[in-house]
Protein backbone atom coordinates (compact mmCIF):
# COMPACT_ATOMS: atom_id res chain seq x y z
CA MET A 1 -57.92 227.52 -263.78
CA ALA A 2 -56.72 224.99 -261.53
CA ARG A 3 -56.95 225.03 -257.82
CA VAL A 4 -53.79 226.64 -255.88
CA VAL A 5 -52.51 224.06 -253.49
CA ASP A 6 -53.77 224.75 -249.96
CA LYS A 7 -50.91 224.66 -247.17
CA ILE A 8 -51.68 222.80 -243.90
CA LYS A 9 -50.99 225.18 -241.51
CA LEU A 10 -53.66 227.67 -243.07
CA ILE A 11 -56.36 225.43 -242.68
CA ASP A 12 -58.90 227.26 -240.12
CA GLY A 13 -61.91 225.21 -240.97
CA SER A 14 -63.65 228.04 -242.88
CA ARG A 15 -63.28 225.78 -246.24
CA GLU A 16 -63.58 222.39 -247.10
CA ALA A 17 -63.10 222.92 -251.11
CA LEU A 18 -59.34 222.16 -250.18
CA LYS A 19 -56.49 220.93 -252.18
CA LEU A 20 -53.54 219.30 -250.58
CA SER A 21 -49.97 217.94 -252.01
CA VAL A 22 -49.00 215.42 -249.20
CA ARG A 23 -47.32 212.42 -248.52
CA ILE A 24 -48.92 209.74 -246.14
CA THR A 25 -46.51 209.56 -243.56
CA ASP A 26 -48.19 207.24 -241.06
CA LEU A 27 -51.07 204.77 -241.75
CA TRP A 28 -52.98 202.46 -239.29
CA PHE A 29 -56.73 200.90 -239.84
CA ILE A 30 -59.16 199.99 -236.89
CA GLY A 31 -61.73 197.73 -236.39
CA ILE A 32 -62.54 194.61 -238.29
CA PRO A 33 -61.26 193.92 -241.74
CA GLU A 34 -64.46 194.30 -244.32
CA LYS A 35 -66.77 194.78 -241.76
CA SER A 36 -66.17 197.93 -239.30
CA GLU A 37 -63.01 198.91 -240.50
CA HIS A 38 -61.74 202.54 -240.79
CA ALA A 39 -58.49 204.10 -241.57
CA GLU A 40 -56.40 206.95 -239.80
CA MET A 41 -53.29 208.57 -241.21
CA VAL A 42 -50.98 211.41 -240.74
CA VAL A 43 -49.88 213.61 -243.93
CA VAL A 44 -47.14 216.25 -244.22
CA ASP A 45 -47.07 218.83 -246.58
CA TYR A 46 -44.34 220.50 -248.40
CA ASP A 47 -43.57 222.84 -245.73
CA GLY A 48 -43.34 219.81 -243.08
CA ASP A 49 -46.57 220.91 -241.07
CA GLU A 50 -48.69 217.47 -240.22
CA MET A 51 -52.57 216.96 -240.36
CA HIS A 52 -54.34 213.75 -238.98
CA VAL A 53 -56.76 212.22 -241.54
CA VAL A 54 -59.65 209.82 -241.21
CA CYS A 55 -61.19 207.60 -243.94
CA LYS A 56 -64.45 206.27 -242.17
CA GLN A 57 -65.76 202.97 -243.07
CA ASP A 58 -68.45 203.92 -245.66
CA GLN A 59 -65.22 205.34 -247.75
CA LEU A 60 -62.69 202.96 -247.23
CA LYS A 61 -63.92 200.23 -248.89
CA SER A 62 -63.44 201.73 -252.44
CA ARG A 63 -60.00 203.52 -251.27
CA LYS A 64 -58.01 201.09 -249.36
CA ALA A 65 -56.09 199.55 -252.16
CA ASP A 66 -54.93 203.24 -252.84
CA LEU A 67 -53.63 204.27 -249.53
CA LYS A 68 -50.11 203.27 -248.68
CA GLU A 69 -47.66 204.63 -246.25
CA ASN A 70 -44.84 206.75 -247.75
CA LEU A 71 -46.41 207.47 -251.05
CA THR A 72 -47.47 210.77 -252.32
CA TYR A 73 -50.90 212.33 -253.38
CA VAL A 74 -52.75 215.05 -254.32
CA MET A 75 -55.95 215.21 -252.10
CA HIS A 76 -59.01 216.98 -252.78
CA ASN A 77 -62.25 218.22 -250.69
CA PHE A 78 -62.53 217.28 -247.19
CA LYS A 79 -65.28 217.59 -244.33
CA VAL A 80 -62.51 219.51 -241.44
CA ILE A 81 -63.94 219.06 -238.13
CA LYS A 82 -62.34 220.13 -234.66
CA ASN A 83 -59.10 217.95 -233.46
CA ASP A 84 -60.57 217.68 -229.74
CA GLY A 85 -60.41 214.11 -229.02
CA LYS A 86 -59.45 212.62 -226.00
CA PHE A 87 -55.92 211.68 -227.76
CA ARG A 88 -54.55 213.34 -230.94
CA VAL A 89 -51.84 212.29 -233.10
CA CYS A 90 -51.09 215.73 -234.53
CA ASP A 91 -51.32 219.25 -232.58
CA HIS A 92 -53.00 221.14 -235.83
CA GLU A 93 -56.38 222.64 -234.24
CA TYR A 94 -58.16 220.53 -237.07
CA LYS A 95 -58.41 217.14 -238.62
CA LEU A 96 -59.88 216.19 -242.07
CA CYS A 97 -62.16 213.54 -243.18
CA PHE A 98 -62.89 211.81 -246.47
CA THR A 99 -66.26 212.47 -247.60
CA GLY A 100 -68.49 211.04 -250.95
CA VAL A 101 -66.85 213.75 -253.06
CA THR A 102 -63.13 213.61 -251.65
CA VAL A 103 -60.25 212.63 -254.65
CA VAL A 104 -57.12 210.98 -254.11
CA ARG A 105 -54.88 210.48 -256.61
CA GLN A 106 -51.45 209.28 -256.08
CA SER A 107 -48.68 211.67 -257.71
CA ASP A 108 -44.68 211.28 -257.79
CA MET A 109 -43.64 214.38 -255.82
CA GLU A 110 -40.22 213.19 -254.10
CA HIS A 111 -39.48 216.60 -252.65
CA LEU A 112 -42.18 216.08 -250.25
CA PRO A 113 -40.68 215.17 -246.82
CA PHE A 114 -40.90 212.11 -244.94
CA ARG A 115 -41.80 211.67 -241.22
CA LYS A 116 -39.92 213.17 -238.40
CA PHE A 117 -40.18 212.21 -235.20
CA ARG A 118 -41.47 214.73 -232.36
CA PHE A 119 -39.81 213.19 -229.28
CA VAL A 120 -40.24 213.97 -225.50
CA ASP A 121 -37.55 213.41 -223.10
CA PHE A 122 -38.38 211.12 -220.45
CA SER A 123 -37.32 214.37 -217.84
CA SER A 124 -40.31 216.15 -219.12
CA VAL A 125 -42.93 213.42 -218.67
CA ILE A 126 -41.81 212.79 -215.25
CA ALA A 127 -41.93 216.57 -214.19
CA GLY A 128 -45.24 216.92 -215.79
CA HIS A 129 -44.08 219.05 -218.75
CA PHE A 130 -46.29 217.66 -221.52
CA GLN A 131 -49.76 218.10 -223.41
CA ILE A 132 -52.29 216.00 -221.92
CA GLY A 133 -53.98 213.89 -224.98
CA LEU A 134 -50.98 214.76 -227.39
CA LEU A 135 -49.68 211.26 -228.63
CA VAL A 136 -46.11 211.56 -228.86
CA ASP A 137 -42.65 209.63 -229.94
CA GLU A 138 -40.80 208.13 -227.56
CA ARG A 139 -37.15 207.17 -227.36
CA PRO A 140 -35.34 205.10 -224.96
CA ILE A 141 -31.89 204.04 -226.65
CA VAL A 142 -32.72 201.61 -229.34
CA ILE A 143 -36.61 201.39 -228.83
CA LEU A 144 -38.95 204.08 -230.54
CA LEU A 145 -42.67 204.05 -229.79
CA THR A 146 -44.58 206.28 -232.08
CA HIS A 147 -48.15 207.75 -231.03
CA ALA A 148 -47.31 207.12 -227.37
CA ARG A 149 -49.72 208.09 -224.76
CA ILE A 150 -48.39 210.08 -222.02
CA LYS A 151 -50.72 209.36 -218.57
CA GLU A 152 -50.68 211.86 -215.92
CA ALA A 153 -49.45 211.01 -212.42
CA GLN A 154 -52.27 210.17 -210.06
CA GLY A 155 -52.05 209.29 -206.60
CA SER A 156 -49.28 207.22 -205.66
CA TYR A 157 -48.82 206.03 -209.37
CA SER A 158 -46.50 208.03 -211.56
CA SER A 159 -46.61 209.40 -214.77
CA SER A 160 -46.33 206.53 -217.66
CA VAL A 161 -46.37 206.08 -221.37
CA SER A 162 -48.22 203.60 -223.07
CA ASN A 163 -49.07 202.52 -226.97
CA SER A 164 -52.11 203.99 -228.35
CA PHE A 165 -53.98 200.63 -229.54
CA LYS A 166 -53.80 200.11 -233.28
CA ALA A 167 -52.04 203.81 -233.86
CA SER A 168 -48.91 202.84 -232.47
CA LYS A 169 -46.11 201.32 -233.79
CA LEU A 170 -42.89 199.78 -231.61
CA MET A 171 -39.63 200.15 -233.56
CA ILE A 172 -36.50 197.86 -231.92
CA ASN A 173 -33.13 198.43 -233.47
CA ASP A 174 -34.69 199.29 -236.87
CA LEU A 175 -32.94 201.31 -239.45
CA VAL A 176 -34.63 204.92 -238.61
CA LEU A 177 -32.45 207.92 -238.92
CA GLU A 178 -33.36 209.21 -235.47
CA ILE A 179 -33.03 205.96 -234.09
CA GLN A 180 -29.20 205.83 -235.29
CA GLU A 181 -28.46 209.81 -234.20
CA PHE A 182 -29.78 209.10 -230.72
CA ARG A 183 -27.50 206.13 -230.66
CA GLU A 184 -24.44 208.25 -231.30
CA ARG A 185 -25.50 210.55 -229.28
CA TYR A 186 -25.99 208.49 -226.08
CA PHE A 187 -23.01 206.22 -226.16
CA GLY A 188 -20.63 207.06 -223.50
CA ASN A 189 -22.65 209.65 -222.15
CA VAL A 190 -26.10 208.74 -220.52
CA SER A 191 -27.43 212.38 -219.96
CA GLY A 192 -26.93 213.30 -223.68
CA SER A 193 -25.51 216.45 -222.87
CA SER A 194 -22.59 216.19 -225.23
CA GLN A 195 -22.04 215.14 -229.00
CA LEU A 196 -19.27 212.10 -229.65
CA SER A 197 -17.05 212.44 -232.58
CA SER A 198 -17.34 209.87 -235.00
CA LYS A 199 -14.20 208.14 -233.82
CA ASP A 200 -15.63 208.03 -230.31
CA ALA A 201 -18.81 206.92 -231.05
CA PHE A 202 -17.22 204.14 -233.66
CA LEU A 203 -14.87 202.75 -230.69
CA SER A 204 -18.06 203.46 -227.95
CA LYS A 205 -18.90 199.98 -225.91
CA ALA A 206 -16.60 198.16 -228.13
CA GLU A 207 -13.37 196.15 -227.45
CA VAL A 208 -10.54 196.61 -229.74
CA LYS A 209 -9.71 192.95 -230.70
CA ASN A 210 -7.39 191.47 -233.85
CA ILE A 211 -8.71 188.76 -235.88
CA SER A 212 -7.70 185.70 -233.69
CA GLN A 213 -9.28 187.34 -230.79
CA ILE A 214 -12.64 187.72 -232.48
CA ASN A 215 -11.99 183.97 -233.50
CA ALA A 216 -11.15 182.65 -230.09
CA THR A 217 -14.44 185.06 -228.53
CA SER A 218 -16.77 182.99 -231.12
CA GLU A 219 -15.60 179.91 -230.08
CA VAL A 220 -15.74 180.36 -226.46
CA ILE A 221 -19.30 181.62 -227.14
CA LYS A 222 -20.32 179.03 -229.10
CA SER A 223 -18.98 176.62 -226.52
CA ASN A 224 -20.89 178.15 -223.73
CA VAL A 225 -24.22 179.73 -225.51
CA SER A 226 -26.13 179.57 -222.45
CA PHE A 227 -23.64 181.32 -220.41
CA PHE A 228 -22.99 184.06 -223.08
CA LYS A 229 -26.45 185.57 -223.14
CA GLN A 230 -25.23 188.95 -223.98
CA GLU A 231 -23.69 189.89 -227.51
CA ILE A 232 -20.19 191.16 -227.43
CA VAL A 233 -19.30 193.91 -229.64
CA CYS A 234 -15.78 194.30 -231.24
CA VAL A 235 -13.80 196.51 -233.29
CA THR A 236 -10.96 195.30 -235.62
CA VAL A 237 -9.45 196.27 -238.76
CA ALA A 238 -9.23 193.78 -242.04
CA LYS A 239 -9.27 193.14 -245.99
CA ILE A 240 -12.04 191.54 -247.51
CA THR A 241 -10.74 188.85 -249.19
CA THR A 242 -13.55 186.77 -250.20
CA ILE A 243 -17.15 186.69 -250.77
CA VAL A 244 -18.22 183.64 -249.39
CA MET A 245 -20.72 181.22 -251.24
CA ASP A 246 -21.85 178.58 -248.22
CA ASN A 247 -25.39 178.60 -246.82
CA TYR A 248 -26.78 181.57 -247.72
CA SER A 249 -27.78 183.89 -251.04
CA TRP A 250 -26.38 187.07 -251.36
CA CYS A 251 -29.93 188.54 -250.70
CA TYR A 252 -33.50 187.73 -249.26
CA PRO A 253 -36.91 189.02 -250.42
CA ALA A 254 -38.27 191.32 -247.40
CA CYS A 255 -40.88 193.66 -246.27
CA ASP A 256 -40.72 197.19 -247.54
CA GLN A 257 -40.76 198.61 -244.08
CA CYS A 258 -39.23 196.27 -241.50
CA TYR A 259 -36.93 194.00 -242.90
CA LYS A 260 -38.36 190.74 -242.64
CA LYS A 261 -38.01 187.71 -244.84
CA VAL A 262 -40.95 187.08 -246.68
CA ASP A 263 -42.09 184.14 -249.01
CA ILE A 264 -41.61 185.61 -252.57
CA GLU A 265 -44.30 183.96 -254.04
CA ILE A 266 -47.42 185.25 -252.41
CA VAL A 267 -48.16 188.72 -253.62
CA PRO A 268 -49.20 191.10 -252.51
CA PHE A 269 -49.06 190.57 -248.61
CA THR A 270 -49.08 192.13 -245.11
CA CYS A 271 -46.39 191.73 -243.04
CA LEU A 272 -46.51 190.77 -239.74
CA CYS A 273 -45.35 194.34 -238.65
CA GLY A 274 -48.82 195.74 -240.30
CA LYS A 275 -47.07 196.88 -243.66
CA GLU A 276 -49.01 196.01 -246.84
CA ASN A 277 -46.77 195.27 -249.62
CA ASP A 278 -47.21 195.04 -253.22
CA GLN A 279 -44.09 193.21 -253.81
CA PRO A 280 -41.29 192.61 -251.25
CA VAL A 281 -37.93 194.28 -251.88
CA LEU A 282 -34.41 192.53 -251.95
CA ARG A 283 -32.12 193.29 -249.28
CA TYR A 284 -28.48 192.35 -248.73
CA ARG A 285 -27.23 189.11 -246.68
CA VAL A 286 -23.69 188.92 -247.41
CA GLU A 287 -21.28 186.87 -245.97
CA VAL A 288 -17.79 187.77 -246.49
CA MET A 289 -14.10 186.44 -245.54
CA VAL A 290 -11.90 188.87 -243.98
CA ASN A 291 -8.23 188.79 -243.42
CA HIS A 292 -5.31 190.69 -241.18
CA LYS A 293 -1.81 189.41 -240.59
CA GLY A 294 -2.37 185.91 -241.82
CA GLU A 295 -5.82 185.62 -239.67
CA GLN A 296 -8.93 185.30 -241.10
CA THR A 297 -12.67 185.55 -239.93
CA LYS A 298 -15.99 185.58 -241.52
CA PHE A 299 -18.54 188.58 -241.47
CA PHE A 300 -21.84 189.16 -242.06
CA ILE A 301 -22.71 192.06 -243.90
CA TRP A 302 -26.44 193.34 -243.75
CA ASP A 303 -28.65 195.65 -246.29
CA ARG A 304 -27.96 199.05 -244.96
CA GLU A 305 -24.05 198.76 -244.67
CA TYR A 306 -23.74 196.58 -248.32
CA ALA A 307 -25.52 199.18 -249.89
CA GLN A 308 -23.93 201.90 -248.49
CA LEU A 309 -20.32 200.25 -249.39
CA ILE A 310 -21.35 199.77 -253.47
CA GLY A 311 -23.67 202.50 -253.90
CA GLN A 312 -26.57 200.45 -255.27
CA SER A 313 -29.53 198.58 -253.55
CA ALA A 314 -29.76 195.06 -254.07
CA ASP A 315 -33.16 195.36 -256.23
CA GLU A 316 -30.96 197.70 -258.74
CA VAL A 317 -28.23 195.01 -258.87
CA ASN A 318 -30.57 192.17 -259.43
CA LYS A 319 -32.31 194.37 -261.98
CA LEU A 320 -29.24 194.35 -263.92
CA LYS A 321 -27.85 190.78 -263.31
CA ILE A 322 -31.38 189.99 -265.28
CA GLU A 323 -30.81 192.33 -267.96
CA ASP A 324 -27.54 190.41 -268.36
CA GLY A 325 -29.41 187.28 -268.52
CA ASP A 326 -29.07 185.80 -265.06
CA VAL A 327 -32.64 185.26 -263.65
CA ASP A 328 -31.68 183.34 -261.17
CA LEU A 329 -31.84 184.97 -257.78
CA ASN A 330 -29.14 182.89 -256.27
CA VAL A 331 -26.96 183.78 -259.36
CA SER A 332 -24.42 186.12 -257.27
CA PRO A 333 -24.31 189.70 -259.07
CA GLN A 334 -20.58 191.04 -260.10
CA ALA A 335 -21.68 193.91 -258.22
CA LEU A 336 -20.79 191.88 -254.95
CA ASP A 337 -16.92 191.99 -256.06
CA ARG A 338 -16.37 195.79 -255.57
CA LEU A 339 -15.66 194.98 -251.69
CA LEU A 340 -12.89 192.62 -252.64
CA GLY A 341 -9.71 193.94 -251.38
CA CYS A 342 -11.26 196.82 -249.39
CA PHE A 343 -9.43 197.30 -246.27
CA LEU A 344 -11.92 198.78 -243.34
CA ALA A 345 -12.41 199.24 -240.14
CA PHE A 346 -15.43 196.96 -238.89
CA LYS A 347 -17.37 197.07 -235.63
CA VAL A 348 -19.17 193.76 -235.35
CA LYS A 349 -21.39 192.08 -232.75
CA VAL A 350 -20.61 188.38 -232.33
CA GLN A 351 -23.94 186.36 -231.67
CA PRO A 352 -24.27 183.65 -229.55
CA ARG A 353 -27.65 183.09 -230.40
CA PHE A 354 -27.16 182.91 -234.52
CA ARG A 355 -23.41 181.60 -233.73
CA ASN A 356 -22.08 184.59 -236.29
CA SER A 357 -20.58 188.27 -236.57
CA VAL A 358 -22.64 190.77 -238.02
CA VAL A 359 -21.08 194.40 -238.98
CA LEU A 360 -22.38 197.08 -237.02
CA LYS A 361 -20.62 199.62 -238.74
CA TYR A 362 -17.46 200.27 -240.86
CA SER A 363 -15.45 203.08 -241.63
CA ASP A 364 -12.58 203.54 -244.65
CA GLU A 365 -11.38 206.59 -243.18
CA SER A 366 -7.49 206.40 -243.12
CA ASP A 367 -7.16 208.32 -239.55
CA LEU A 368 -9.87 206.28 -237.83
CA ILE A 369 -8.13 203.04 -239.53
CA ASN A 370 -4.78 203.91 -238.08
CA VAL A 371 -6.12 204.63 -234.64
CA VAL A 372 -7.85 201.09 -234.45
CA LEU A 373 -4.49 199.89 -235.86
CA ASP A 374 -2.56 201.48 -232.92
CA MET A 375 -4.94 199.81 -230.21
CA ILE A 376 -5.24 196.30 -231.86
CA PRO A 377 -2.90 194.29 -229.12
CA ASP A 378 0.03 193.12 -230.98
CA SER A 379 0.04 195.46 -233.60
CA GLU A 380 3.24 197.16 -235.07
CA GLN A 381 3.22 200.71 -234.37
CA SER A 382 4.66 201.43 -237.70
CA VAL A 383 1.68 200.11 -239.67
CA PHE A 384 -0.25 202.87 -241.22
CA VAL A 385 -2.55 203.66 -244.16
CA THR A 386 -0.49 204.71 -246.90
CA GLY A 387 -1.29 205.71 -250.77
CA ASP A 388 -0.29 202.11 -251.62
CA HIS A 389 -3.08 200.89 -249.54
CA ASP A 390 -5.60 203.55 -249.48
CA PRO A 391 -9.07 202.49 -248.25
CA LEU A 392 -10.54 205.17 -250.09
CA LEU A 393 -9.13 203.96 -253.13
CA ARG A 394 -9.47 200.46 -252.45
CA ILE A 395 -6.65 198.82 -253.86
CA PRO A 396 -5.98 195.11 -252.82
CA LEU A 397 -2.58 194.36 -251.48
CA THR A 398 -3.10 190.61 -252.96
CA PRO A 399 -5.12 188.68 -255.92
CA THR A 400 -8.55 188.03 -254.37
CA LYS A 401 -11.17 185.77 -255.54
CA ARG A 402 -14.59 184.44 -255.37
CA VAL A 403 -14.77 180.74 -253.96
CA SER A 404 -17.05 178.56 -251.95
CA PHE A 405 -16.41 177.61 -248.24
CA ASP A 406 -15.69 174.19 -249.58
CA GLU A 407 -12.34 175.64 -251.18
CA LEU A 408 -11.54 177.86 -248.08
CA ASP A 409 -11.22 174.71 -246.06
CA ASP A 410 -8.33 173.23 -248.11
CA GLU A 411 -6.66 176.54 -248.49
């Protein structure tokens, strides 16, 4: 008879013949590879309970290739020890260690939860309301530090937060749900005591401009890059008219975790962020021409936004393209054309360093589009989204086409 799966919250040190169904939500390696290295990880079960697991040097060599962050496993047999070290990554009373008879088998269990961050407010740190030795996740606006060490105030030194050697990860502007939700709450309200509406969040910390003004802003920044160090955020409305085929392919190979571009010919590889990858993943990087009232400009749309807009990942689109016989990665797939004719509200960032404008957010909600239309300088107050121009239906008002940038210059 097969052993019943144990729950992490019920592990009390009385048994070591355990069976766990878990997802590795965090994984890091300490020491010198191939010499004195061991692995530590955090696993989570179906109930969302977490536990610290250690794979020491004598066990790691035969298991390192099998351990991957975010994958799911069935694991048997551990040494159960007290979780009483100086610093702890989980609040559980015990932690687990691999032994010579530990069994680790990868198994697809998609319903296992992913990582949930345990945030601690700065006010709690300053007030001394924290548990000594428990590593936490810290969140100052767009920077997220995992397994942060909170140090008590001593003498004239106030409480402080620092990383925890190789266990901590620093995420800056990463596409993490918790970061996005925090930014939504934070914009326009430093205390974080109230929740902004989706409209207010979209418009927050941005200037509403028409396309002509965005172009003018871009030109001023380009000619004074040394002066304009800070990126400018604008909100506008426009229709996507063209997929621009200029200097960039429609996608790029990247790390599975941090979005950094990688060399597709070198696999497997370890990214600079520390993530081990068997294969790179493809991510969207699409340049589009947008138009409103005869004015046009170019926007960059990156992976998350483009995948949301067309409902498919870049890897999925490329796979279908290959099945149709187009094996060259630079061949633009037909799926990209789904955005042609879409009339959307855009929140874009004009970047002086990279000399482009990047889409931060988009919206196809007619109410929000009408609000932005009313706010655009010199826009006609009578212009509203109707059934003839419904962004949800994505009906183009004029014929659209896919052209090269040279053709655009000739128009």
